[in-house]
Amino acid sequence: MKKFTKEENSWSLYDWGSSAYSIIITTAVFPIFYKSSATAAGVDAADSTAYLGYTIAIFTFILAMLGPILGTIADYRGMKKKFFTFFFILGVTFTAMLAFVPFDNWLLLLIFYTLAALGATGANVFYDGFIVDVTTNERMHKVSARGFSLGYIGSTIPFLVSIIIIVLSQQGIIALSTTNASRIAFLITAIWWVVFSIPLYKNVKQIHFIEREGKPVIQSFKRLGKTFKEIRQYKALFLFLLAYFFYIDGVGTVINMSTAYGTDLGLSATSLLIILFATQVVAAPFALLYGWLAGKFSEKKMLYVGIIVYIIVCTYAFFLETVVDFWILAMLVATSQGGIQALSRSYFGKLVPKENSNEFFGFYNIFGKFASIMGPLLVAFTAQVTGKSNYGVFSLVILFIVGLIILSRVPEPKTSPSVDEVSST
């Protein structure tokens, strides 16, 4: 396989930058900061975890509603990067703004987190859609996997810097409170994200598009309705979306709720940060390994492997008690977290008509985001009813099993169909 092109490298580097948000804001520092804020305000641990779950459900619902509509409009010439830019700026701005929220205002923290998350996940919809513009079907699985791998590697740098600052402040080595150290981590995240987005802006362009029409918004709704009616004709794509709907729910819930879950188990903030850092380091080579193995055995077979690993993860999480247990769980997640997401993206990219990539990635997003509503709500509801988060995590097993069964019925992709080819069938 030839070396990666300038466009492929520039696209992948966005993962290097934006993944700092994923680890520092979504998974590690912000959840700990928020939990501390809520505890200081007198909010019960199970309730604060539930509120975080409800917040995740709210912003994923909003984006799920907007994704296909905006994606359809973004398929017009020159529109993809404009929509990407809007969400990118939204995400970066409110990530930085988290640093200025008063510590005892946990509700405002969740509001700013919602806006930052809308920006980050919204930008990723269009970033994912750019994959059809930077590479070919034959290279897509390796390029996608490389993006996730670079994301894990790149995110460890600002994450490590943040951990060092936070730990030094905890030890009193630097004259900085732990609260302000966490705020510095939020600013580092925003700066890192901006810097490594520059290559994408310079070198990645929308190659596949639809020419603009009169009344583009109205026409976009018409195209969206037509595609929704005809989506069953894309049999492989439709079945894959159903499978993805179920298994990605569990993946997203484990990522978004893991730190809050660990906090409820009594793990210290320092232990959680070190474990999550190690997870990033281990996940990078495994994401590349998934991409390499997909070339040997097919993407679908490697997706099977990832789903089975997550079934084991959810089962093991039910019995989680000690720091050692959490280490084992984290390493299991690290082996498959990046691989299952990277191969899902590339597998879907091979199935979609390239000129309508954003419209179809909008559907990819809505299936993924609606699924992401179920998991956090399930964990949140179960945590409040039983007072124990592990029952909710274990219940995710059934979603992985259903996803696995449906995925087994998806035929292997050959070439991306065009809209005209499908419409004529």
Foldseek 3Di string as FASTA:
>chain_A
DDDADLLLVLLLLLLLQLLLCLPLPQFALVVVLLLVLCVVLVHDLLQSLLVLLQLLLVLLQVLLVCQLLQLLLCLAFPNLVVQLVVLLCQQLVLLLVLLVDPSNCSVVNSVSSSSNVNSSVSNVLSSLLLLVQRDFLLCQLLSLLLSLLSNLVSSLVLLVVLLVQLVCQVVVVDVDHNSNSSSVSSNSSSVSSVVSNVSNVVPGGQPFHDHADPPSSVVSVVVLVVCVVLVVLLVLLVLLLLLCLQQLLLLLLCSRSVVSQVVLLPDDSSLRSVLSSVLSVLLNVLSNVLSVVCSVVNLLVSLLVLLVLLLVLLVLLLVDHDSVSSSVSSNSCSNRSSNNVSSSSSQSVQAAASSSSSSSSSSSSSSSSVSNSVLSNQQSVCCVVVVHSSVSSNVSSVSSVVSNVSSVPRDRRDGYDHPVVSVVD
